[in-house]
Amino acid sequence: KTGPLLVALQVAISLAVLSNALFIVHERITTSQRTSGIAGEHDVGYLSVAPLKRPAHNEILAQRAADLRALRAIPGVMSATVTNQMPMSRSGRSGSVRVKPASPVEVATPSVYFAEEDFAKTLGLEIVQGRDFTPQDIHEFDELKQAEEEAFPTNAIVTLPLARLMFPDTDRYVGRDIYFGADEREVAHIVGVVDQLQTTGASSKPAGEYSIALPLRYTGSYWRYVVRAEPGRLQHVLREAEDALRKIAPAPQAIAVRTVDQDRGDRYRNERAMAWMLIAVSILLLLITLSGIVGMTMLRVAQRRKQIGVRRALGARWSDIVRYFVTENVMITTGGIVAGLLLAIGLNQLLMQQVNMGRLPLEYLAWGAAALWALGVASVYGPASRAARTSPAVATRTV
């Protein structure tokens, strides 16, 4: 009786691990495929520019204006803008926001994008309420000479998930005020709402969807030029863009070129690695379960060799012998599946508490049970079929 019990236990453990592993794989793959809010990601890249010696505020503004003219003149460039950070880049600025001035409770800590002309156009953001920024909205900020509140923008664009979080009592968000930090002087008026713009960390929902764009021309130690190219021409455009920036640079500067696809690949590398690891573990577990069922069946066939011979001599057909072993194995597998369903639910509860995993959908349990049940039937068929073809004279011979 030990053999069947061990096989049932193996089936139970396999079902518990398999169903939860496949659910995690689905969650990881779904996470890695989330849209960033950037339309046509394959056609968007950016160049990070850092002067080796920091110019003055006015010199930076003049250089940016010249650089943007050069970038927009490159064949294949559809649009270009300046910003401080990019979605999924895992590096950037964030800040706490509140719905009431000087409130001690922050609502969220969204990513804060500094937007200049053509920000929404270049990234391809979908404006669902209100409007885009105009040149009149943009404030200039020289961090070496001004305090942040002195040049703080009066307008802002927020993502729809953040707007819903901050103002759950309405579905009209344009015209509402949001406060930054504990300083009631840093307040911005919502003039537009975009459907989606992921944070720099692109964390899990909903926090990964909380972003704010401020119309601020910020002259820090580095900045990014975002370029949208015609479909299929991004790599060529980025090479031309780097060459153009180096040619007109007034002083030596470091330039790093990246694409949104590269940011996505780096950001979700761990998710994809975990998914493939769990797929490999699931396949290995199924193979081990298969070998255990086959081994147990072959042992039972060997132990009942004479019994099979006697049944064959009394007129049992090939199908009768096969059906006997299949029925026996189905009973063992079904018992293991019932125990595995309970074990899978318990394991999912543990994962929900420890790693914030979602609730395991019933279809994963159903598909896992069906797969193991079919595997149990298929694995017993070969040994049972060979045993049923054994001659009664050979099967009943005394060894």
Protein backbone atom coordinates (compact mmCIF):
# COMPACT_ATOMS: atom_id res chain seq x y z
CA LYS A 1 0.00 0.00 0.00
CA THR A 2 2.98 2.33 0.41
CA GLY A 3 3.55 2.67 -3.35
CA PRO A 4 0.07 3.95 -4.24
CA LEU A 5 0.09 6.32 -1.26
CA LEU A 6 3.44 7.77 -2.32
CA VAL A 7 2.16 8.26 -5.88
CA ALA A 8 -1.00 9.96 -4.60
CA LEU A 9 1.15 12.24 -2.43
CA GLN A 10 3.37 13.02 -5.40
CA VAL A 11 0.33 13.92 -7.49
CA ALA A 12 -0.98 16.15 -4.70
CA ILE A 13 2.30 18.03 -4.34
CA SER A 14 2.64 18.34 -8.12
CA LEU A 15 -0.84 19.82 -8.47
CA ALA A 16 -0.29 22.31 -5.64
CA VAL A 17 3.05 23.50 -7.01
CA LEU A 18 2.05 23.35 -10.69
CA SER A 19 -1.16 25.38 -10.39
CA ASN A 20 0.47 28.11 -8.30
CA ALA A 21 3.61 28.16 -10.45
CA LEU A 22 1.64 28.58 -13.67
CA PHE A 23 -0.41 31.35 -12.08
CA ILE A 24 2.79 33.16 -11.08
CA VAL A 25 4.13 32.69 -14.62
CA HIS A 26 0.95 34.24 -16.02
CA GLU A 27 1.19 37.16 -13.59
CA ARG A 28 4.86 37.78 -14.42
CA ILE A 29 4.32 37.65 -18.17
CA THR A 30 1.27 39.91 -17.89
CA THR A 31 3.29 42.35 -15.78
CA SER A 32 6.14 42.43 -18.31
CA GLN A 33 3.67 43.22 -21.09
CA ARG A 34 1.97 46.15 -19.36
CA THR A 35 1.76 49.26 -21.48
CA SER A 36 3.82 52.20 -20.25
CA GLY A 37 1.53 54.85 -21.68
CA ILE A 38 4.01 55.53 -24.49
CA ALA A 39 2.34 54.87 -27.82
CA GLY A 40 4.52 52.95 -30.28
CA GLU A 41 7.33 52.18 -27.83
CA HIS A 42 9.50 50.68 -30.60
CA ASP A 43 9.79 54.12 -32.20
CA VAL A 44 10.79 56.14 -29.11
CA GLY A 45 14.29 56.65 -27.73
CA TYR A 46 16.15 59.27 -25.77
CA LEU A 47 19.57 60.83 -25.33
CA SER A 48 20.81 61.73 -21.86
CA VAL A 49 23.15 64.74 -22.01
CA ALA A 50 25.50 65.68 -19.17
CA PRO A 51 27.99 68.54 -19.75
CA LEU A 52 31.38 67.81 -18.20
CA LYS A 53 31.38 71.38 -16.86
CA ARG A 54 27.98 72.69 -15.91
CA PRO A 55 27.01 75.80 -17.91
CA ALA A 56 25.00 78.71 -16.56
CA HIS A 57 21.21 78.66 -16.64
CA ASN A 58 20.87 80.82 -19.75
CA GLU A 59 23.61 78.88 -21.54
CA ILE A 60 21.76 75.62 -20.90
CA LEU A 61 18.53 77.07 -22.24
CA ALA A 62 20.28 78.30 -25.36
CA GLN A 63 21.94 74.92 -25.89
CA ARG A 64 18.65 73.08 -25.49
CA ALA A 65 16.91 75.32 -28.02
CA ALA A 66 19.70 74.73 -30.54
CA ASP A 67 19.74 70.99 -29.86
CA LEU A 68 15.98 70.67 -30.32
CA ARG A 69 16.14 72.51 -33.64
CA ALA A 70 18.88 70.15 -34.80
CA LEU A 71 17.00 67.06 -33.66
CA ARG A 72 13.73 68.08 -35.30
CA ALA A 73 15.59 68.74 -38.57
CA ILE A 74 16.89 65.15 -38.79
CA PRO A 75 15.08 63.13 -41.50
CA GLY A 76 12.81 60.56 -39.85
CA VAL A 77 12.23 62.53 -36.63
CA MET A 78 8.52 63.07 -36.03
CA SER A 79 8.80 64.89 -32.72
CA ALA A 80 11.33 65.76 -29.99
CA THR A 81 11.11 67.18 -26.48
CA VAL A 82 13.02 67.55 -23.21
CA THR A 83 12.24 65.81 -19.94
CA ASN A 84 13.98 64.78 -16.75
CA GLN A 85 13.10 61.05 -16.69
CA MET A 86 11.43 58.21 -18.55
CA PRO A 87 9.00 55.41 -17.65
CA MET A 88 10.63 52.08 -16.71
CA SER A 89 14.08 53.70 -16.51
CA ARG A 90 14.25 52.93 -12.75
CA SER A 91 15.78 56.29 -11.97
CA GLY A 92 14.04 59.60 -11.42
CA ARG A 93 12.16 62.02 -9.22
CA SER A 94 9.05 61.45 -7.14
CA GLY A 95 7.15 63.48 -4.58
CA SER A 96 4.28 63.20 -2.14
CA VAL A 97 0.93 64.74 -3.06
CA ARG A 98 -2.08 65.78 -0.99
CA VAL A 99 -5.60 66.99 -1.69
CA LYS A 100 -5.63 69.55 1.11
CA PRO A 101 -3.04 72.22 1.95
CA ALA A 102 -0.66 71.33 4.77
CA SER A 103 -2.38 67.97 5.24
CA PRO A 104 -0.31 65.58 7.38
CA VAL A 105 -1.49 62.63 5.29
CA GLU A 106 -0.12 62.11 1.79
CA VAL A 107 -2.34 60.44 -0.78
CA ALA A 108 0.43 58.97 -2.96
CA THR A 109 4.06 59.33 -4.00
CA PRO A 110 3.90 59.61 -7.79
CA SER A 111 6.72 60.01 -10.30
CA VAL A 112 7.16 63.67 -11.24
CA TYR A 113 7.97 64.37 -14.88
CA PHE A 114 9.20 67.78 -15.99
CA ALA A 115 7.49 68.46 -19.30
CA GLU A 116 8.33 70.95 -22.00
CA GLU A 117 6.82 71.56 -25.43
CA ASP A 118 5.57 68.46 -27.27
CA PHE A 119 5.94 66.20 -24.20
CA ALA A 120 2.56 64.47 -24.66
CA LYS A 121 2.95 64.44 -28.44
CA THR A 122 6.41 62.88 -28.43
CA LEU A 123 5.54 60.20 -25.90
CA GLY A 124 2.17 59.61 -27.54
CA LEU A 125 0.19 60.07 -24.33
CA GLU A 126 -3.59 59.83 -24.62
CA ILE A 127 -5.27 62.89 -23.09
CA VAL A 128 -8.69 61.82 -21.81
CA GLN A 129 -9.65 65.06 -20.08
CA GLY A 130 -8.57 68.65 -20.42
CA ARG A 131 -5.64 69.76 -22.56
CA ASP A 132 -1.92 69.53 -23.14
CA PHE A 133 0.54 72.12 -21.87
CA THR A 134 1.02 75.33 -23.83
CA PRO A 135 4.27 77.35 -23.99
CA GLN A 136 2.67 79.82 -21.56
CA ASP A 137 2.33 77.07 -18.93
CA ILE A 138 6.06 76.36 -18.75
CA HIS A 139 8.04 77.83 -15.86
CA GLU A 140 11.82 78.18 -15.81
CA PHE A 141 13.77 76.97 -12.79
CA ASP A 142 17.42 77.61 -12.01
CA GLU A 143 18.15 75.44 -9.01
CA LEU A 144 21.38 77.35 -8.27
CA LYS A 145 19.58 80.66 -7.77
CA GLN A 146 15.95 79.85 -6.99
CA ALA A 147 14.11 77.96 -4.30
CA GLU A 148 11.83 75.30 -5.73
CA GLU A 149 8.64 76.98 -4.54
CA GLU A 150 9.62 80.21 -6.31
CA ALA A 151 9.37 78.65 -9.77
CA PHE A 152 6.80 76.00 -8.98
CA PRO A 153 4.37 75.50 -11.93
CA THR A 154 0.77 76.45 -11.46
CA ASN A 155 -0.58 73.71 -13.76
CA ALA A 156 -0.20 69.94 -13.94
CA ILE A 157 -1.21 66.89 -15.93
CA VAL A 158 -1.94 63.71 -13.97
CA THR A 159 -2.63 60.12 -14.88
CA LEU A 160 -6.17 58.82 -14.67
CA PRO A 161 -5.39 56.22 -11.94
CA LEU A 162 -3.85 58.94 -9.75
CA ALA A 163 -6.80 61.28 -10.34
CA ARG A 164 -9.23 58.54 -9.33
CA LEU A 165 -7.23 57.87 -6.18
CA MET A 166 -7.09 61.53 -5.15
CA PHE A 167 -10.67 62.45 -6.05
CA PRO A 168 -12.84 59.33 -5.69
CA ASP A 169 -16.02 61.40 -5.34
CA THR A 170 -16.07 62.59 -8.98
CA ASP A 171 -15.13 61.63 -12.52
CA ARG A 172 -14.24 65.19 -13.57
CA TYR A 173 -10.73 66.06 -12.50
CA VAL A 174 -9.80 69.13 -14.53
CA GLY A 175 -9.83 72.21 -12.29
CA ARG A 176 -8.94 70.36 -9.08
CA ASP A 177 -5.89 71.41 -7.06
CA ILE A 178 -3.14 69.12 -5.81
CA TYR A 179 -0.60 70.01 -3.13
CA PHE A 180 2.99 68.84 -3.05
CA GLY A 181 4.70 67.96 0.19
CA ALA A 182 3.72 69.76 3.35
CA ASP A 183 4.26 73.22 1.84
CA GLU A 184 0.91 74.75 0.94
CA ARG A 185 2.66 77.11 -1.48
CA GLU A 186 3.47 74.22 -3.84
CA VAL A 187 0.07 73.77 -5.42
CA ALA A 188 -0.79 72.94 -9.02
CA HIS A 189 -4.04 73.17 -10.95
CA ILE A 190 -4.99 70.08 -12.99
CA VAL A 191 -5.39 71.12 -16.63
CA GLY A 192 -5.21 67.68 -18.21
CA VAL A 193 -5.54 63.96 -17.51
CA VAL A 194 -3.74 61.27 -19.49
CA ASP A 195 -4.93 57.70 -19.60
CA GLN A 196 -1.61 56.21 -18.56
CA LEU A 197 2.02 57.10 -17.85
CA GLN A 198 3.98 54.59 -15.82
CA THR A 199 6.38 55.60 -13.09
CA THR A 200 10.12 55.29 -13.53
CA GLY A 201 10.11 52.14 -11.40
CA ALA A 202 7.03 50.72 -13.15
CA SER A 203 6.07 48.94 -9.94
CA SER A 204 2.98 46.80 -9.66
CA LYS A 205 -0.47 48.30 -9.94
CA PRO A 206 -1.83 50.62 -8.81
CA ALA A 207 1.24 52.52 -7.55
CA GLY A 208 3.10 51.99 -10.81
CA GLU A 209 0.45 54.06 -12.64
CA TYR A 210 0.70 57.16 -10.44
CA SER A 211 2.50 59.93 -12.34
CA ILE A 212 2.38 63.72 -12.63
CA ALA A 213 3.77 65.96 -15.37
CA LEU A 214 4.74 69.53 -14.45
CA PRO A 215 5.44 72.20 -17.10
CA LEU A 216 8.93 73.03 -15.86
CA ARG A 217 12.05 73.99 -17.79
CA TYR A 218 14.58 72.71 -15.28
CA THR A 219 18.30 73.32 -15.83
CA GLY A 220 19.90 70.62 -13.74
CA SER A 221 23.22 68.86 -14.22
CA TYR A 222 21.78 66.67 -16.99
CA TRP A 223 18.67 66.36 -19.13
CA ARG A 224 17.09 64.02 -21.64
CA TYR A 225 16.02 64.61 -25.23
CA VAL A 226 13.18 62.28 -26.17
CA VAL A 227 12.83 61.50 -29.87
CA ARG A 228 9.95 59.85 -31.73
CA ALA A 229 11.03 58.45 -35.07
CA GLU A 230 9.11 57.26 -38.08
CA PRO A 231 8.28 53.53 -37.81
CA GLY A 232 11.35 51.37 -38.32
CA ARG A 233 13.86 54.25 -38.35
CA LEU A 234 14.62 54.72 -34.66
CA GLN A 235 18.17 53.28 -34.65
CA HIS A 236 19.20 55.36 -37.64
CA VAL A 237 17.62 58.47 -36.14
CA LEU A 238 19.37 57.99 -32.78
CA ARG A 239 22.77 57.65 -34.48
CA GLU A 240 22.13 60.81 -36.47
CA ALA A 241 20.88 62.57 -33.33
CA GLU A 242 24.00 61.74 -31.32
CA ASP A 243 26.24 62.95 -34.12
CA ALA A 244 24.23 66.17 -34.45
CA LEU A 245 24.41 66.92 -30.72
CA ARG A 246 28.15 66.34 -30.59
CA LYS A 247 28.77 68.61 -33.56
CA ILE A 248 26.92 71.60 -32.15
CA ALA A 249 27.86 71.11 -28.48
CA PRO A 250 29.48 74.31 -27.14
CA ALA A 251 31.57 72.28 -24.68
CA PRO A 252 32.51 68.64 -24.02
CA GLN A 253 29.58 66.56 -22.79
CA ALA A 254 28.69 62.94 -22.14
CA ILE A 255 25.83 61.50 -24.20
CA ALA A 256 24.10 58.18 -23.43
CA VAL A 257 21.62 56.77 -25.94
CA ARG A 258 18.75 54.51 -24.87
CA THR A 259 15.52 53.21 -26.32
CA VAL A 260 12.25 52.53 -24.54
CA ASP A 261 12.59 48.89 -25.63
CA GLN A 262 15.90 48.68 -23.75
CA ASP A 263 14.31 50.14 -20.63
CA ARG A 264 11.49 47.62 -20.86
CA GLY A 265 13.92 44.74 -21.31
CA ASP A 266 16.02 45.78 -18.31
CA ARG A 267 13.04 46.55 -16.10
CA TYR A 268 11.31 43.21 -16.66
CA ARG A 269 14.36 40.95 -16.96
CA ASN A 270 13.75 39.44 -13.53
CA GLU A 271 10.07 38.79 -14.28
CA ARG A 272 10.92 36.92 -17.47
CA ALA A 273 13.71 34.98 -15.75
CA MET A 274 11.38 33.90 -12.96
CA ALA A 275 8.71 32.88 -15.47
CA TRP A 276 11.14 30.66 -17.40
CA MET A 277 12.52 29.21 -14.17
CA LEU A 278 9.03 28.27 -12.98
CA ILE A 279 8.19 26.79 -16.39
CA ALA A 280 11.34 24.62 -16.18
CA VAL A 281 10.47 23.57 -12.62
CA SER A 282 6.92 22.69 -13.69
CA ILE A 283 8.13 20.56 -16.60
CA LEU A 284 10.65 18.80 -14.34
CA LEU A 285 7.96 18.18 -11.74
CA LEU A 286 5.64 16.68 -14.36
CA LEU A 287 8.43 14.40 -15.60
CA ILE A 288 9.14 13.23 -12.05
CA THR A 289 5.44 12.58 -11.47
CA LEU A 290 5.22 10.72 -14.78
CA SER A 291 8.21 8.55 -13.94
CA GLY A 292 6.78 7.80 -10.49
CA ILE A 293 3.45 6.63 -11.94
CA VAL A 294 5.16 4.55 -14.64
CA GLY A 295 7.53 3.00 -12.12
CA MET A 296 4.72 2.11 -9.73
CA THR A 297 2.66 0.61 -12.57
CA MET A 298 5.59 -1.48 -13.81
CA LEU A 299 6.13 -2.76 -10.26
CA ARG A 300 2.45 -3.69 -9.89
CA VAL A 301 2.52 -5.42 -13.27
CA ALA A 302 5.57 -7.45 -12.26
CA GLN A 303 3.98 -8.41 -8.93
CA ARG A 304 0.78 -9.57 -10.69
CA ARG A 305 2.39 -11.37 -13.56
CA LYS A 306 0.79 -14.74 -12.70
CA GLN A 307 -2.56 -13.12 -11.96
CA ILE A 308 -2.51 -11.54 -15.40
CA GLY A 309 -1.65 -14.91 -16.95
CA VAL A 310 -4.50 -16.67 -15.16
CA ARG A 311 -6.98 -13.99 -16.24
CA ARG A 312 -5.76 -14.25 -19.82
CA ALA A 313 -6.11 -18.04 -19.70
CA LEU A 314 -9.67 -17.68 -18.41
CA GLY A 315 -10.57 -15.49 -21.38
CA ALA A 316 -9.77 -11.96 -20.29
CA ARG A 317 -9.18 -9.72 -23.28
CA TRP A 318 -6.36 -7.25 -23.79
CA SER A 319 -8.78 -4.38 -23.08
CA ASP A 320 -9.88 -6.00 -19.80
CA ILE A 321 -6.32 -6.11 -18.47
CA VAL A 322 -5.58 -2.54 -19.57
CA ARG A 323 -8.86 -1.26 -18.12
CA TYR A 324 -8.06 -2.91 -14.77
CA PHE A 325 -4.75 -1.07 -14.37
CA VAL A 326 -6.12 2.20 -15.76
CA THR A 327 -9.05 2.09 -13.32
CA GLU A 328 -6.74 1.39 -10.43
CA ASN A 329 -4.45 4.25 -11.42
CA VAL A 330 -7.37 6.65 -11.90
CA MET A 331 -8.48 5.95 -8.33
CA ILE A 332 -4.99 6.66 -6.99
CA THR A 333 -4.58 9.79 -9.13
CA THR A 334 -8.03 11.10 -8.23
CA GLY A 335 -7.25 10.74 -4.54
CA GLY A 336 -4.02 12.64 -5.06
CA ILE A 337 -5.84 15.36 -7.03
CA VAL A 338 -8.41 15.87 -4.28
CA ALA A 339 -5.63 16.28 -1.73
CA GLY A 340 -3.70 18.48 -4.18
CA LEU A 341 -6.61 20.87 -4.61
CA LEU A 342 -6.71 21.52 -0.88
CA LEU A 343 -2.93 21.80 -0.75
CA ALA A 344 -2.91 24.25 -3.70
CA ILE A 345 -5.45 26.52 -2.01
CA GLY A 346 -3.44 26.45 1.22
CA LEU A 347 -0.21 27.25 -0.63
CA ASN A 348 -1.91 30.13 -2.43
CA GLN A 349 -3.13 31.57 0.88
CA LEU A 350 0.44 31.46 2.19
CA LEU A 351 1.78 33.20 -0.92
CA MET A 352 -0.92 35.86 -0.69
CA GLN A 353 0.19 36.69 2.83
CA GLN A 354 3.95 36.54 2.26
CA VAL A 355 4.52 37.94 -1.27
CA ASN A 356 1.23 39.71 -2.09
CA MET A 357 0.33 37.18 -4.76
CA GLY A 358 -3.18 37.34 -6.18
CA ARG A 359 -5.88 34.81 -5.40
CA LEU A 360 -5.48 31.62 -7.43
CA PRO A 361 -8.28 31.46 -10.04
CA LEU A 362 -10.33 28.26 -10.11
CA GLU A 363 -9.47 27.61 -13.76
CA TYR A 364 -5.82 27.01 -12.82
CA LEU A 365 -6.93 24.33 -10.36
CA ALA A 366 -9.24 22.80 -12.98
CA TRP A 367 -6.61 22.76 -15.73
CA GLY A 368 -3.94 21.45 -13.35
CA ALA A 369 -6.21 18.65 -12.14
CA ALA A 370 -7.17 17.73 -15.72
CA ALA A 371 -3.52 17.71 -16.82
CA LEU A 372 -2.42 15.44 -13.97
CA TRP A 373 -5.42 13.16 -14.43
CA ALA A 374 -4.65 12.80 -18.14
CA LEU A 375 -0.96 12.31 -17.33
CA GLY A 376 -1.85 9.54 -14.90
CA VAL A 377 -3.95 7.71 -17.48
CA ALA A 378 -1.36 8.12 -20.23
CA SER A 379 1.54 6.98 -18.08
CA VAL A 380 -0.14 3.73 -17.05
CA TYR A 381 -1.24 2.80 -20.55
CA GLY A 382 2.17 1.62 -21.81
CA PRO A 383 3.07 -0.81 -18.99
CA ALA A 384 -0.50 -2.13 -18.82
CA SER A 385 -0.62 -2.65 -22.59
CA ARG A 386 2.64 -4.64 -22.60
CA ALA A 387 1.43 -6.74 -19.68
CA ALA A 388 -1.84 -7.52 -21.45
CA ARG A 389 0.07 -8.89 -24.46
CA THR A 390 2.01 -11.39 -22.34
CA SER A 391 1.26 -15.01 -23.19
CA PRO A 392 -0.57 -16.91 -20.41
CA ALA A 393 2.03 -19.72 -20.66
CA VAL A 394 4.86 -17.30 -20.05
CA ALA A 395 3.02 -15.28 -17.39
CA THR A 396 2.18 -18.32 -15.26
CA ARG A 397 5.60 -19.94 -15.51
CA THR A 398 7.27 -20.42 -12.12
CA VAL A 399 10.56 -18.51 -11.79
